[in-house]
PDB file of N, CA and C in Angstrom:
ATOM      1  N   UNK A   1       7.665 -51.608 -14.994  1.00  0.00           N
ATOM      2  CA  UNK A   1       6.378 -50.749 -14.559  1.00  0.00           C
ATOM      3  C   UNK A   1       6.549 -51.057 -12.963  1.00  0.00           C
ATOM      4  N   UNK A   2       6.307 -49.754 -12.215  1.00  0.00           N
ATOM      5  CA  UNK A   2       6.352 -49.777 -10.890  1.00  0.00           C
ATOM      6  C   UNK A   2       5.088 -50.240 -10.269  1.00  0.00           C
ATOM      7  N   UNK A   3       5.012 -51.226  -9.123  1.00  0.00           N
ATOM      8  CA  UNK A   3       3.931 -51.781  -8.569  1.00  0.00           C
ATOM      9  C   UNK A   3       3.330 -50.532  -7.774  1.00  0.00           C
ATOM     10  N   UNK A   4       2.052 -50.621  -7.561  1.00  0.00           N
ATOM     11  CA  UNK A   4       1.271 -49.888  -6.843  1.00  0.00           C
ATOM     12  C   UNK A   4       1.314 -50.531  -5.507  1.00  0.00           C
ATOM     13  N   UNK A   5       1.370 -49.556  -4.442  1.00  0.00           N
ATOM     14  CA  UNK A   5       1.827 -49.947  -3.125  1.00  0.00           C
ATOM     15  C   UNK A   5       0.328 -50.516  -2.439  1.00  0.00           C
ATOM     16  N   UNK A   6       0.352 -51.509  -1.571  1.00  0.00           N
ATOM     17  CA  UNK A   6      -0.885 -51.829  -1.157  1.00  0.00           C
ATOM     18  C   UNK A   6      -1.576 -50.928  -0.071  1.00  0.00           C
ATOM     19  N   UNK A   7      -2.906 -51.108   0.035  1.00  0.00           N
ATOM     20  CA  UNK A   7      -3.694 -50.094   0.975  1.00  0.00           C
ATOM     21  C   UNK A   7      -3.122 -49.875   2.308  1.00  0.00           C
ATOM     22  N   UNK A   8      -2.391 -51.060   2.755  1.00  0.00           N
ATOM     23  CA  UNK A   8      -1.798 -50.436   4.109  1.00  0.00           C
ATOM     24  C   UNK A   8      -0.914 -49.483   4.225  1.00  0.00           C
ATOM     25  N   UNK A   9      -0.007 -49.514   3.102  1.00  0.00           N
ATOM     26  CA  UNK A   9       1.252 -48.640   2.963  1.00  0.00           C
ATOM     27  C   UNK A   9       0.545 -47.222   2.588  1.00  0.00           C
ATOM     28  N   UNK A  10      -0.406 -47.232   1.539  1.00  0.00           N
ATOM     29  CA  UNK A  10      -1.004 -45.916   1.251  1.00  0.00           C
ATOM     30  C   UNK A  10      -1.672 -45.211   2.479  1.00  0.00           C
ATOM     31  N   UNK A  11      -2.321 -46.150   3.421  1.00  0.00           N
ATOM     32  CA  UNK A  11      -2.936 -45.801   4.699  1.00  0.00           C
ATOM     33  C   UNK A  11      -1.903 -44.894   5.540  1.00  0.00           C
ATOM     34  N   UNK A  12      -1.065 -45.946   5.699  1.00  0.00           N
ATOM     35  CA  UNK A  12       0.297 -45.182   6.481  1.00  0.00           C
ATOM     36  C   UNK A  12       0.708 -44.107   6.149  1.00  0.00           C
ATOM     37  N   UNK A  13       0.800 -43.717   4.787  1.00  0.00           N
ATOM     38  CA  UNK A  13       1.556 -42.582   4.193  1.00  0.00           C
ATOM     39  C   UNK A  13       0.533 -41.509   4.172  1.00  0.00           C
ATOM     40  N   UNK A  14      -0.965 -41.695   4.282  1.00  0.00           N
ATOM     41  CA  UNK A  14      -1.971 -40.560   4.620  1.00  0.00           C
ATOM     42  C   UNK A  14      -1.871 -40.347   5.968  1.00  0.00           C
ATOM     43  N   UNK A  15      -1.632 -41.162   6.884  1.00  0.00           N
ATOM     44  CA  UNK A  15      -1.650 -40.883   8.209  1.00  0.00           C
ATOM     45  C   UNK A  15      -0.473 -40.103   8.574  1.00  0.00           C
ATOM     46  N   UNK A  16       0.566 -40.504   8.045  1.00  0.00           N
ATOM     47  CA  UNK A  16       1.587 -39.662   8.408  1.00  0.00           C
ATOM     48  C   UNK A  16       1.721 -38.202   7.703  1.00  0.00           C
ATOM     49  N   UNK A  17       1.367 -38.047   6.625  1.00  0.00           N
ATOM     50  CA  UNK A  17       1.214 -36.652   6.121  1.00  0.00           C
ATOM     51  C   UNK A  17       0.330 -35.902   6.762  1.00  0.00           C
ATOM     52  N   UNK A  18      -0.971 -36.075   7.181  1.00  0.00           N
ATOM     53  CA  UNK A  18      -1.815 -35.418   8.036  1.00  0.00           C
ATOM     54  C   UNK A  18      -1.320 -35.169   9.261  1.00  0.00           C
ATOM     55  N   UNK A  19      -0.766 -36.097   9.912  1.00  0.00           N
ATOM     56  CA  UNK A  19      -0.137 -35.925  11.187  1.00  0.00           C
ATOM     57  C   UNK A  19       0.971 -34.756  11.226  1.00  0.00           C
ATOM     58  N   UNK A  20       1.685 -34.504  10.293  1.00  0.00           N
ATOM     59  CA  UNK A  20       2.815 -33.719   9.890  1.00  0.00           C
ATOM     60  C   UNK A  20       2.018 -32.421   9.851  1.00  0.00           C
ATOM     61  N   UNK A  21       0.883 -32.147   9.537  1.00  0.00           N
ATOM     62  CA  UNK A  21       0.322 -30.798   9.109  1.00  0.00           C
ATOM     63  C   UNK A  21      -0.295 -30.473  10.502  1.00  0.00           C
ATOM     64  N   UNK A  22      -0.258 -28.839  10.514  1.00  0.00           N
ATOM     65  CA  UNK A  22      -1.006 -28.299  11.777  1.00  0.00           C
ATOM     66  C   UNK A  22      -2.424 -28.870  11.848  1.00  0.00           C
ATOM     67  N   UNK A  23      -2.792 -28.960  13.139  1.00  0.00           N
ATOM     68  CA  UNK A  23      -4.316 -29.241  13.546  1.00  0.00           C
ATOM     69  C   UNK A  23      -5.261 -28.651  12.582  1.00  0.00           C
ATOM     70  N   UNK A  24      -6.038 -29.211  11.931  1.00  0.00           N
ATOM     71  CA  UNK A  24      -7.133 -28.584  11.180  1.00  0.00           C
ATOM     72  C   UNK A  24      -6.594 -28.519   9.629  1.00  0.00           C
ATOM     73  N   UNK A  25      -5.576 -28.571   9.355  1.00  0.00           N
ATOM     74  CA  UNK A  25      -4.925 -28.337   8.026  1.00  0.00           C
ATOM     75  C   UNK A  25      -5.138 -29.788   7.177  1.00  0.00           C
ATOM     76  N   UNK A  26      -5.406 -29.452   5.979  1.00  0.00           N
ATOM     77  CA  UNK A  26      -5.427 -30.818   5.027  1.00  0.00           C
ATOM     78  C   UNK A  26      -4.429 -31.046   3.991  1.00  0.00           C
ATOM     79  N   UNK A  27      -4.548 -32.011   3.376  1.00  0.00           N
ATOM     80  CA  UNK A  27      -3.527 -32.390   2.420  1.00  0.00           C
ATOM     81  C   UNK A  27      -4.306 -33.020   1.067  1.00  0.00           C
ATOM     82  N   UNK A  28      -3.749 -32.701   0.010  1.00  0.00           N
ATOM     83  CA  UNK A  28      -4.330 -33.140  -1.215  1.00  0.00           C
ATOM     84  C   UNK A  28      -3.957 -34.653  -1.470  1.00  0.00           C
ATOM     85  N   UNK A  29      -4.825 -35.561  -1.744  1.00  0.00           N
ATOM     86  CA  UNK A  29      -4.523 -36.720  -2.155  1.00  0.00           C
ATOM     87  C   UNK A  29      -3.143 -37.076  -3.309  1.00  0.00           C
ATOM     88  N   UNK A  30      -3.171 -36.262  -3.985  1.00  0.00           N
ATOM     89  CA  UNK A  30      -1.968 -36.030  -5.131  1.00  0.00           C
ATOM     90  C   UNK A  30      -0.808 -36.242  -4.228  1.00  0.00           C
ATOM     91  N   UNK A  31      -0.709 -35.605  -3.117  1.00  0.00           N
ATOM     92  CA  UNK A  31       0.594 -35.544  -2.171  1.00  0.00           C
ATOM     93  C   UNK A  31       1.096 -36.854  -1.945  1.00  0.00           C
ATOM     94  N   UNK A  32      -0.001 -37.660  -1.387  1.00  0.00           N
ATOM     95  CA  UNK A  32       0.340 -39.052  -1.137  1.00  0.00           C
ATOM     96  C   UNK A  32       0.896 -39.888  -2.186  1.00  0.00           C
ATOM     97  N   UNK A  33       0.056 -39.602  -3.230  1.00  0.00           N
ATOM     98  CA  UNK A  33       0.445 -40.378  -4.628  1.00  0.00           C
ATOM     99  C   UNK A  33       1.862 -40.119  -5.014  1.00  0.00           C
ATOM    100  N   UNK A  34       2.336 -38.736  -4.960  1.00  0.00           N
ATOM    101  CA  UNK A  34       3.625 -38.265  -5.323  1.00  0.00           C
ATOM    102  C   UNK A  34       4.574 -38.914  -4.366  1.00  0.00           C
ATOM    103  N   UNK A  35       4.209 -39.214  -3.054  1.00  0.00           N
ATOM    104  CA  UNK A  35       5.377 -39.819  -2.227  1.00  0.00           C
ATOM    105  C   UNK A  35       5.610 -41.020  -2.706  1.00  0.00           C
ATOM    106  N   UNK A  36       4.867 -41.787  -3.288  1.00  0.00           N
ATOM    107  CA  UNK A  36       5.098 -43.135  -3.689  1.00  0.00           C
ATOM    108  C   UNK A  36       5.796 -42.998  -5.291  1.00  0.00           C
ATOM    109  N   UNK A  37       5.406 -42.264  -6.054  1.00  0.00           N
ATOM    110  CA  UNK A  37       5.654 -42.094  -7.590  1.00  0.00           C
ATOM    111  C   UNK A  37       5.617 -40.659  -7.980  1.00  0.00           C
ATOM    112  N   UNK A  38       6.869 -40.071  -7.696  1.00  0.00           N
ATOM    113  CA  UNK A  38       6.782 -38.581  -8.048  1.00  0.00           C
ATOM    114  C   UNK A  38       6.817 -38.285  -9.432  1.00  0.00           C
ATOM    115  N   UNK A  39       7.032 -39.210 -10.376  1.00  0.00           N
ATOM    116  CA  UNK A  39       6.523 -38.978 -11.894  1.00  0.00           C
ATOM    117  C   UNK A  39       5.656 -40.250 -12.194  1.00  0.00           C
ATOM    118  N   UNK A  40       4.685 -39.721 -12.890  1.00  0.00           N
ATOM    119  CA  UNK A  40       3.541 -40.915 -13.043  1.00  0.00           C
ATOM    120  C   UNK A  40       2.614 -41.202 -11.821  1.00  0.00           C
ATOM    121  N   UNK A  41       2.473 -40.222 -10.942  1.00  0.00           N
ATOM    122  CA  UNK A  41       1.783 -40.743  -9.734  1.00  0.00           C
ATOM    123  C   UNK A  41       0.094 -40.666 -10.315  1.00  0.00           C
ATOM    124  N   UNK A  42      -0.361 -40.272 -11.287  1.00  0.00           N
ATOM    125  CA  UNK A  42      -1.747 -40.360 -11.401  1.00  0.00           C
ATOM    126  C   UNK A  42      -2.328 -41.692 -11.563  1.00  0.00           C
ATOM    127  N   UNK A  43      -1.861 -42.763 -11.680  1.00  0.00           N
ATOM    128  CA  UNK A  43      -2.553 -43.932 -11.392  1.00  0.00           C
ATOM    129  C   UNK A  43      -2.845 -44.447  -9.970  1.00  0.00           C
ATOM    130  N   UNK A  44      -2.088 -43.970  -9.169  1.00  0.00           N
ATOM    131  CA  UNK A  44      -2.408 -43.844  -7.591  1.00  0.00           C
ATOM    132  C   UNK A  44      -3.519 -43.294  -7.124  1.00  0.00           C
ATOM    133  N   UNK A  45      -4.172 -42.584  -7.921  1.00  0.00           N
ATOM    134  CA  UNK A  45      -5.136 -41.597  -7.325  1.00  0.00           C
ATOM    135  C   UNK A  45      -6.344 -42.297  -6.950  1.00  0.00           C
ATOM    136  N   UNK A  46      -6.526 -43.358  -7.531  1.00  0.00           N
ATOM    137  CA  UNK A  46      -7.913 -44.310  -7.173  1.00  0.00           C
ATOM    138  C   UNK A  46      -7.643 -45.174  -5.912  1.00  0.00           C
ATOM    139  N   UNK A  47      -6.381 -45.510  -5.881  1.00  0.00           N
ATOM    140  CA  UNK A  47      -6.061 -46.531  -4.803  1.00  0.00           C
ATOM    141  C   UNK A  47      -5.879 -45.436  -3.484  1.00  0.00           C
ATOM    142  N   UNK A  48      -5.304 -44.258  -3.701  1.00  0.00           N
ATOM    143  CA  UNK A  48      -5.642 -43.403  -2.557  1.00  0.00           C
ATOM    144  C   UNK A  48      -6.630 -42.930  -1.855  1.00  0.00           C
ATOM    145  N   UNK A  49      -7.557 -42.690  -2.844  1.00  0.00           N
ATOM    146  CA  UNK A  49      -8.890 -42.145  -2.362  1.00  0.00           C
ATOM    147  C   UNK A  49      -9.716 -43.323  -1.849  1.00  0.00           C
ATOM    148  N   UNK A  50      -9.414 -44.556  -2.313  1.00  0.00           N
ATOM    149  CA  UNK A  50      -9.990 -45.832  -1.544  1.00  0.00           C
ATOM    150  C   UNK A  50      -9.543 -45.841  -0.327  1.00  0.00           C
ATOM    151  N   UNK A  51      -8.087 -45.754  -0.003  1.00  0.00           N
ATOM    152  CA  UNK A  51      -7.555 -45.964   1.128  1.00  0.00           C
ATOM    153  C   UNK A  51      -7.897 -44.731   2.414  1.00  0.00           C
ATOM    154  N   UNK A  52      -8.172 -43.692   1.570  1.00  0.00           N
ATOM    155  CA  UNK A  52      -8.841 -42.365   2.357  1.00  0.00           C
ATOM    156  C   UNK A  52     -10.283 -42.725   2.854  1.00  0.00           C
ATOM    157  N   UNK A  53     -10.992 -43.507   2.108  1.00  0.00           N
ATOM    158  CA  UNK A  53     -12.376 -43.549   2.398  1.00  0.00           C
ATOM    159  C   UNK A  53     -12.373 -44.726   3.468  1.00  0.00           C
ATOM    160  N   UNK A  54     -11.564 -45.610   3.190  1.00  0.00           N
ATOM    161  CA  UNK A  54     -11.665 -46.653   4.365  1.00  0.00           C
ATOM    162  C   UNK A  54     -11.203 -46.244   5.705  1.00  0.00           C
ATOM    163  N   UNK A  55     -10.167 -45.240   5.799  1.00  0.00           N
ATOM    164  CA  UNK A  55      -9.742 -44.499   7.131  1.00  0.00           C
ATOM    165  C   UNK A  55     -10.985 -43.603   7.686  1.00  0.00           C
ATOM    166  N   UNK A  56     -11.489 -43.187   6.725  1.00  0.00           N
ATOM    167  CA  UNK A  56     -12.543 -42.214   7.049  1.00  0.00           C
ATOM    168  C   UNK A  56     -13.693 -43.030   7.965  1.00  0.00           C
ATOM    169  N   UNK A  57     -14.090 -44.176   7.215  1.00  0.00           N
ATOM    170  CA  UNK A  57     -15.066 -45.015   7.569  1.00  0.00           C
ATOM    171  C   UNK A  57     -14.693 -45.596   9.024  1.00  0.00           C
ATOM    172  N   UNK A  58     -13.371 -45.734   9.337  1.00  0.00           N
ATOM    173  CA  UNK A  58     -12.872 -46.179  10.497  1.00  0.00           C
ATOM    174  C   UNK A  58     -12.825 -44.962  11.699  1.00  0.00           C
ATOM    175  N   UNK A  59     -13.295 -43.625  11.347  1.00  0.00           N
ATOM    176  CA  UNK A  59     -13.049 -42.654  12.060  1.00  0.00           C
ATOM    177  C   UNK A  59     -11.494 -41.915  12.363  1.00  0.00           C
ATOM    178  N   UNK A  60     -10.688 -42.374  11.556  1.00  0.00           N
ATOM    179  CA  UNK A  60      -9.217 -42.123  11.694  1.00  0.00           C
ATOM    180  C   UNK A  60      -8.648 -40.782  10.682  1.00  0.00           C
ATOM    181  N   UNK A  61      -9.757 -40.281   9.799  1.00  0.00           N
ATOM    182  CA  UNK A  61      -9.495 -39.527   8.946  1.00  0.00           C
ATOM    183  C   UNK A  61     -10.715 -38.538   8.471  1.00  0.00           C
ATOM    184  N   UNK A  62     -10.839 -37.636   8.108  1.00  0.00           N
ATOM    185  CA  UNK A  62     -11.868 -36.603   7.639  1.00  0.00           C
ATOM    186  C   UNK A  62     -11.605 -36.460   6.114  1.00  0.00           C
ATOM    187  N   UNK A  63     -12.444 -36.826   4.879  1.00  0.00           N
ATOM    188  CA  UNK A  63     -12.419 -36.553   3.716  1.00  0.00           C
ATOM    189  C   UNK A  63     -13.451 -35.550   3.336  1.00  0.00           C
ATOM    190  N   UNK A  64     -12.640 -34.382   3.003  1.00  0.00           N
ATOM    191  CA  UNK A  64     -13.302 -33.009   2.707  1.00  0.00           C
ATOM    192  C   UNK A  64     -13.699 -32.731   1.207  1.00  0.00           C
ATOM    193  N   UNK A  65     -14.838 -32.254   1.065  1.00  0.00           N
ATOM    194  CA  UNK A  65     -14.968 -31.684  -0.390  1.00  0.00           C
ATOM    195  C   UNK A  65     -15.712 -30.331  -0.205  1.00  0.00           C
ATOM    196  N   UNK A  66     -15.086 -29.147  -0.813  1.00  0.00           N
ATOM    197  CA  UNK A  66     -15.513 -28.056  -0.784  1.00  0.00           C
ATOM    198  C   UNK A  66     -15.196 -27.695   0.696  1.00  0.00           C
ATOM    199  N   UNK A  67     -14.474 -28.130   1.436  1.00  0.00           N
ATOM    200  CA  UNK A  67     -14.136 -27.593   2.747  1.00  0.00           C
ATOM    201  C   UNK A  67     -15.048 -28.430   3.908  1.00  0.00           C
ATOM    202  N   UNK A  68     -16.006 -29.255   3.386  1.00  0.00           N
ATOM    203  CA  UNK A  68     -16.841 -29.592   4.361  1.00  0.00           C
ATOM    204  C   UNK A  68     -16.596 -31.229   4.354  1.00  0.00           C
ATOM    205  N   UNK A  69     -17.043 -32.065   5.492  1.00  0.00           N
ATOM    206  CA  UNK A  69     -17.033 -33.562   5.254  1.00  0.00           C
ATOM    207  C   UNK A  69     -17.864 -33.880   4.071  1.00  0.00           C
ATOM    208  N   UNK A  70     -17.161 -34.795   3.298  1.00  0.00           N
ATOM    209  CA  UNK A  70     -17.881 -35.380   2.162  1.00  0.00           C
ATOM    210  C   UNK A  70     -18.759 -36.604   2.455  1.00  0.00           C
ATOM    211  N   UNK A  71     -19.539 -36.690   1.691  1.00  0.00           N
ATOM    212  CA  UNK A  71     -20.452 -38.132   1.634  1.00  0.00           C
ATOM    213  C   UNK A  71     -19.767 -39.079   1.071  1.00  0.00           C
ATOM    214  N   UNK A  72     -19.265 -40.106   2.071  1.00  0.00           N
ATOM    215  CA  UNK A  72     -18.366 -41.103   1.622  1.00  0.00           C
ATOM    216  C   UNK A  72     -19.026 -42.058   0.346  1.00  0.00           C
ATOM    217  N   UNK A  73     -20.466 -42.083   0.597  1.00  0.00           N
ATOM    218  CA  UNK A  73     -20.956 -42.956  -0.381  1.00  0.00           C
ATOM    219  C   UNK A  73     -21.234 -42.485  -1.793  1.00  0.00           C
ATOM    220  N   UNK A  74     -21.100 -40.984  -2.094  1.00  0.00           N
ATOM    221  CA  UNK A  74     -21.048 -40.494  -3.231  1.00  0.00           C
ATOM    222  C   UNK A  74     -19.971 -39.528  -3.401  1.00  0.00           C
ATOM    223  N   UNK A  75     -18.778 -40.177  -3.260  1.00  0.00           N
ATOM    224  CA  UNK A  75     -17.526 -39.129  -3.342  1.00  0.00           C
ATOM    225  C   UNK A  75     -17.185 -39.047  -4.816  1.00  0.00           C
ATOM    226  N   UNK A  76     -16.880 -37.837  -5.082  1.00  0.00           N
ATOM    227  CA  UNK A  76     -16.660 -37.445  -6.336  1.00  0.00           C
ATOM    228  C   UNK A  76     -15.835 -35.931  -6.372  1.00  0.00           C
ATOM    229  N   UNK A  77     -15.184 -35.682  -7.299  1.00  0.00           N
ATOM    230  CA  UNK A  77     -14.475 -34.395  -7.713  1.00  0.00           C
ATOM    231  C   UNK A  77     -13.097 -34.209  -6.724  1.00  0.00           C
ATOM    232  N   UNK A  78     -13.031 -33.210  -6.627  1.00  0.00           N
ATOM    233  CA  UNK A  78     -11.789 -32.594  -5.799  1.00  0.00           C
ATOM    234  C   UNK A  78     -12.049 -32.937  -4.193  1.00  0.00           C
ATOM    235  N   UNK A  79     -11.040 -33.497  -3.671  1.00  0.00           N
ATOM    236  CA  UNK A  79     -11.219 -33.875  -2.139  1.00  0.00           C
ATOM    237  C   UNK A  79      -9.875 -33.419  -1.559  1.00  0.00           C
ATOM    238  N   UNK A  80     -10.083 -33.269  -0.182  1.00  0.00           N
ATOM    239  CA  UNK A  80      -8.967 -32.832   0.629  1.00  0.00           C
ATOM    240  C   UNK A  80      -8.920 -33.938   1.984  1.00  0.00           C
ATOM    241  N   UNK A  81      -7.796 -34.170   2.527  1.00  0.00           N
ATOM    242  CA  UNK A  81      -7.716 -35.038   3.551  1.00  0.00           C
ATOM    243  C   UNK A  81      -7.317 -34.198   4.893  1.00  0.00           C
ATOM    244  N   UNK A  82      -7.914 -34.792   6.074  1.00  0.00           N
ATOM    245  CA  UNK A  82      -7.263 -34.212   7.302  1.00  0.00           C
ATOM    246  C   UNK A  82      -7.539 -35.067   8.541  1.00  0.00           C
ATOM    247  N   UNK A  83      -6.871 -34.827   9.392  1.00  0.00           N
ATOM    248  CA  UNK A  83      -7.238 -35.803  10.691  1.00  0.00           C
ATOM    249  C   UNK A  83      -8.199 -35.223  11.320  1.00  0.00           C
ATOM    250  N   UNK A  84      -9.141 -35.968  11.947  1.00  0.00           N
ATOM    251  CA  UNK A  84     -10.341 -35.599  12.618  1.00  0.00           C
ATOM    252  C   UNK A  84     -10.111 -34.591  13.603  1.00  0.00           C
ATOM    253  N   UNK A  85     -11.188 -33.417  13.438  1.00  0.00           N
ATOM    254  CA  UNK A  85     -10.811 -32.523  14.738  1.00  0.00           C
ATOM    255  C   UNK A  85     -11.529 -32.874  15.977  1.00  0.00           C
ATOM    256  N   UNK A  86     -10.844 -32.548  17.074  1.00  0.00           N
ATOM    257  CA  UNK A  86     -11.492 -32.864  18.439  1.00  0.00           C
ATOM    258  C   UNK A  86     -12.837 -32.324  18.466  1.00  0.00           C
ATOM    259  N   UNK A  87     -13.994 -32.816  19.203  1.00  0.00           N
ATOM    260  CA  UNK A  87     -15.259 -32.335  19.376  1.00  0.00           C
ATOM    261  C   UNK A  87     -15.314 -30.734  19.724  1.00  0.00           C
ATOM    262  N   UNK A  88     -16.071 -29.962  18.995  1.00  0.00           N
ATOM    263  CA  UNK A  88     -16.293 -28.634  19.269  1.00  0.00           C
ATOM    264  C   UNK A  88     -14.836 -27.737  18.874  1.00  0.00           C
ATOM    265  N   UNK A  89     -14.038 -28.353  18.148  1.00  0.00           N
ATOM    266  CA  UNK A  89     -12.863 -27.721  17.365  1.00  0.00           C
ATOM    267  C   UNK A  89     -13.390 -27.326  16.181  1.00  0.00           C
ATOM    268  N   UNK A  90     -13.205 -26.145  15.812  1.00  0.00           N
ATOM    269  CA  UNK A  90     -13.490 -25.463  14.549  1.00  0.00           C
ATOM    270  C   UNK A  90     -12.155 -25.695  13.690  1.00  0.00           C
ATOM    271  N   UNK A  91     -12.143 -25.876  12.423  1.00  0.00           N
ATOM    272  CA  UNK A  91     -11.002 -25.870  11.489  1.00  0.00           C
ATOM    273  C   UNK A  91     -10.594 -24.447  11.302  1.00  0.00           C
ATOM    274  N   UNK A  92      -9.225 -24.163  11.019  1.00  0.00           N
ATOM    275  CA  UNK A  92      -8.729 -22.925  10.870  1.00  0.00           C
ATOM    276  C   UNK A  92      -9.333 -22.410   9.619  1.00  0.00           C
ATOM    277  N   UNK A  93      -9.250 -21.129   9.491  1.00  0.00           N
ATOM    278  CA  UNK A  93      -9.939 -20.570   8.045  1.00  0.00           C
ATOM    279  C   UNK A  93      -8.615 -20.332   7.201  1.00  0.00           C
TER     280      UNK A  93
END
C-alpha cells in the first residue's frame, strides 16, 4: 500500500502546479492527487482538499466553486484551485 504524502508535500505540489499555469488559470485538485498516485489517486482527494483550504486560509491560494471564490467553511462539490489574483485584476474568461 502506498502511503499518503503529508500536508506540506501536498501543499508544495499545489503551489508548484498553480505557479506553472498562466495567471488566473486554475487546476483541478485531482491533478495534484495524480501527481502522487497516477493510479488509485482518489483516496488523496480529501487530503488535497484539506491542504488547499489551509493554503487558502493563509491567503496563498484561491479555492473556486463555479468560478467564484468558495466559502471555505462550507466547501462541497467540484472545486478548482488557482493562485490569488493581484488586487483589481480580473480572471481570464
